[in-house]
Amino acid sequence: MSIPKVWNIDYACGHSGEMDLSQKRIDQRAGYAKWLEKRDCFECYKGKGTKKISKEREQERAEELEKVAVQEKRDGLLPLSGSEKQQEWARTLRGEVLAGLYDLYVTSEEHDEEWFDSEVLTPARMIATSRWWIDNREFELPAFPELLAAGAQSDDASENVA
């Protein structure tokens, strides 16, 4: 089965259309198409203008990022590249994935902390791009040990591991 270049998108606004995703890497297309389906089409998006974020939501985001910063320091995770918005989103995603993997494997006693450190944290420490975490957010937790190993060997890996 080949990965399509043109995807049919059913936008959240109710419109549908074809989107050429040939400029995306093949491993990014499905996630991007799913992301597009949660958004309005371009015309509807333009018509709405920009959204303003509430003060409460802004405070919630700041608190989430503070918790993520504590986890990052504890786990020895490096800063991520990307825009400020991408970094915030990817840091949150990374924190959720790592916490979920810890619960799935260590809390459940399927594996020990040494396994978690070598098979999850070590490769996670090497992935330096926000894009990697965002592009892989659609995968289920059990896929992440394999994804992390591949990501640590990819262009998304940093040579400066702490």
Protein backbone atom coordinates (compact mmCIF):
# COMPACT_ATOMS: atom_id res chain seq x y z
CA MET A 1 0.00 0.00 0.00
CA SER A 2 1.45 3.36 -0.94
CA ILE A 3 0.91 6.47 1.16
CA PRO A 4 -1.34 8.91 -0.72
CA LYS A 5 -0.14 12.39 -1.65
CA VAL A 6 -3.63 13.89 -1.92
CA TRP A 7 -5.96 13.46 1.05
CA ASN A 8 -9.70 14.11 1.35
CA ILE A 9 -10.22 16.34 4.36
CA ASP A 10 -13.57 16.79 6.16
CA TYR A 11 -12.98 20.05 8.02
CA ALA A 12 -14.54 20.89 11.39
CA CYS A 13 -16.53 23.71 9.76
CA GLY A 14 -18.41 21.16 7.64
CA HIS A 15 -16.61 21.83 4.37
CA SER A 16 -14.65 19.13 2.55
CA GLY A 17 -11.80 19.30 0.11
CA GLU A 18 -8.71 17.66 -1.26
CA MET A 19 -5.38 18.66 0.20
CA ASP A 20 -2.09 17.92 -1.53
CA LEU A 21 0.26 16.74 1.22
CA SER A 22 3.10 15.72 -1.10
CA GLN A 23 5.33 18.36 0.52
CA LYS A 24 5.02 16.51 3.85
CA ARG A 25 7.16 13.48 4.60
CA ILE A 26 5.14 10.30 4.20
CA ASP A 27 5.32 9.58 7.93
CA GLN A 28 3.81 13.01 8.66
CA ARG A 29 0.85 12.94 6.27
CA ALA A 30 -1.69 10.96 8.31
CA GLY A 31 -1.14 13.01 11.45
CA TYR A 32 -1.30 16.26 9.52
CA ALA A 33 -4.50 15.20 7.75
CA LYS A 34 -6.08 14.30 11.09
CA TRP A 35 -4.99 17.66 12.49
CA LEU A 36 -6.55 19.46 9.51
CA GLU A 37 -9.87 17.69 10.15
CA LYS A 38 -10.02 19.32 13.59
CA ARG A 39 -9.70 22.78 12.02
CA ASP A 40 -11.89 24.96 9.84
CA CYS A 41 -11.10 25.19 6.12
CA PHE A 42 -8.96 28.12 5.08
CA GLU A 43 -11.89 30.27 3.96
CA CYS A 44 -13.81 29.77 7.22
CA TYR A 45 -10.65 30.32 9.26
CA LYS A 46 -9.99 33.61 7.46
CA GLY A 47 -13.56 34.70 8.14
CA LYS A 48 -13.32 34.20 11.89
CA GLY A 49 -10.22 36.30 12.50
CA THR A 50 -7.88 35.55 15.38
CA LYS A 51 -9.00 33.97 18.64
CA LYS A 52 -8.25 35.61 21.92
CA ILE A 53 -7.09 33.37 24.74
CA SER A 54 -8.78 33.87 28.09
CA LYS A 55 -6.78 34.88 31.14
CA GLU A 56 -7.83 31.65 32.88
CA ARG A 57 -6.59 29.48 30.01
CA GLU A 58 -3.38 31.48 29.83
CA GLN A 59 -2.84 30.81 33.57
CA GLU A 60 -3.61 27.08 33.09
CA ARG A 61 -1.02 26.87 30.30
CA ALA A 62 1.58 28.58 32.46
CA GLU A 63 0.92 26.11 35.29
CA GLU A 64 1.12 23.15 32.89
CA LEU A 65 4.47 24.39 31.58
CA GLU A 66 5.79 24.80 35.13
CA LYS A 67 4.97 21.14 35.84
CA VAL A 68 6.57 20.12 32.55
CA ALA A 69 9.73 22.09 33.44
CA VAL A 70 10.05 20.17 36.72
CA GLN A 71 9.67 16.85 34.87
CA GLU A 72 12.18 17.92 32.20
CA LYS A 73 14.78 18.84 34.82
CA ARG A 74 14.21 15.58 36.73
CA ASP A 75 14.49 13.47 33.57
CA GLY A 76 17.42 15.40 32.06
CA LEU A 77 15.50 16.43 28.94
CA LEU A 78 16.99 19.00 26.61
CA PRO A 79 15.19 22.07 25.27
CA LEU A 80 13.42 21.55 21.95
CA SER A 81 13.91 23.49 18.74
CA GLY A 82 11.00 25.18 17.00
CA SER A 83 8.87 28.27 17.44
CA GLU A 84 7.80 29.23 20.95
CA LYS A 85 4.30 27.89 20.31
CA GLN A 86 5.66 24.60 18.91
CA GLN A 87 8.01 24.24 21.88
CA GLU A 88 5.20 24.73 24.39
CA TRP A 89 2.96 22.21 22.65
CA ALA A 90 5.74 19.66 22.11
CA ARG A 91 6.98 19.96 25.70
CA THR A 92 3.46 19.26 26.93
CA LEU A 93 3.09 16.31 24.53
CA ARG A 94 6.48 14.92 25.55
CA GLY A 95 5.56 15.17 29.23
CA GLU A 96 2.25 13.39 28.67
CA VAL A 97 3.88 10.61 26.65
CA LEU A 98 6.67 10.01 29.16
CA ALA A 99 4.28 10.02 32.12
CA GLY A 100 1.95 7.68 30.27
CA LEU A 101 4.81 5.31 29.41
CA TYR A 102 5.97 5.30 33.01
CA ASP A 103 2.49 4.33 34.17
CA LEU A 104 2.11 1.76 31.39
CA TYR A 105 5.40 -0.01 31.98
CA VAL A 106 6.84 0.80 35.42
CA THR A 107 3.78 1.42 37.59
CA SER A 108 2.19 -1.70 36.13
CA GLU A 109 5.45 -3.55 36.97
CA GLU A 110 5.82 -4.83 33.39
CA HIS A 111 9.32 -3.30 33.38
CA ASP A 112 11.58 -1.70 35.98
CA GLU A 113 12.99 1.83 36.21
CA GLU A 114 16.30 0.74 34.67
CA TRP A 115 14.46 -0.45 31.56
CA PHE A 116 12.46 2.80 31.47
CA ASP A 117 15.62 4.87 31.67
CA SER A 118 17.43 2.96 28.92
CA GLU A 119 14.52 2.30 26.55
CA VAL A 120 12.44 5.45 27.03
CA LEU A 121 14.31 8.33 28.70
CA THR A 122 17.68 7.87 26.98
CA PRO A 123 16.28 8.09 23.44
CA ALA A 124 13.80 10.80 24.50
CA ARG A 125 16.73 12.89 25.73
CA MET A 126 18.22 12.72 22.25
CA ILE A 127 15.18 13.98 20.33
CA ALA A 128 15.73 17.69 19.98
CA THR A 129 12.93 18.92 17.71
CA SER A 130 9.44 19.99 18.67
CA ARG A 131 8.31 18.72 15.29
CA TRP A 132 9.09 15.09 16.19
CA TRP A 133 6.81 15.13 19.24
CA ILE A 134 4.04 16.93 17.37
CA ASP A 135 4.24 14.65 14.32
CA ASN A 136 4.07 11.49 16.45
CA ARG A 137 1.31 12.56 18.86
CA GLU A 138 -1.31 10.34 17.21
CA PHE A 139 0.46 7.07 18.06
CA GLU A 140 -0.68 4.89 20.95
CA LEU A 141 1.67 4.64 23.95
CA PRO A 142 2.89 1.07 23.24
CA ALA A 143 4.38 2.28 19.94
CA PHE A 144 6.60 4.87 21.61
CA PRO A 145 9.58 2.75 22.71
CA GLU A 146 10.13 1.80 19.05
CA LEU A 147 9.39 5.35 17.83
CA LEU A 148 11.80 6.83 20.38
CA ALA A 149 14.57 4.45 19.32
CA ALA A 150 14.05 5.46 15.68
CA GLY A 151 13.80 9.16 16.55
CA ALA A 152 17.06 9.02 18.48
CA GLN A 153 18.76 7.78 15.29
CA SER A 154 17.10 10.34 12.99
CA ASP A 155 17.77 13.92 11.94
CA ASP A 156 15.62 14.95 14.90
CA ALA A 157 18.30 13.79 17.35
CA SER A 158 20.76 16.08 19.06
CA GLU A 159 24.44 15.35 19.23
CA ASN A 160 24.64 17.20 22.56
CA VAL A 161 22.96 14.81 24.95
CA ALA A 162 23.12 15.79 28.61
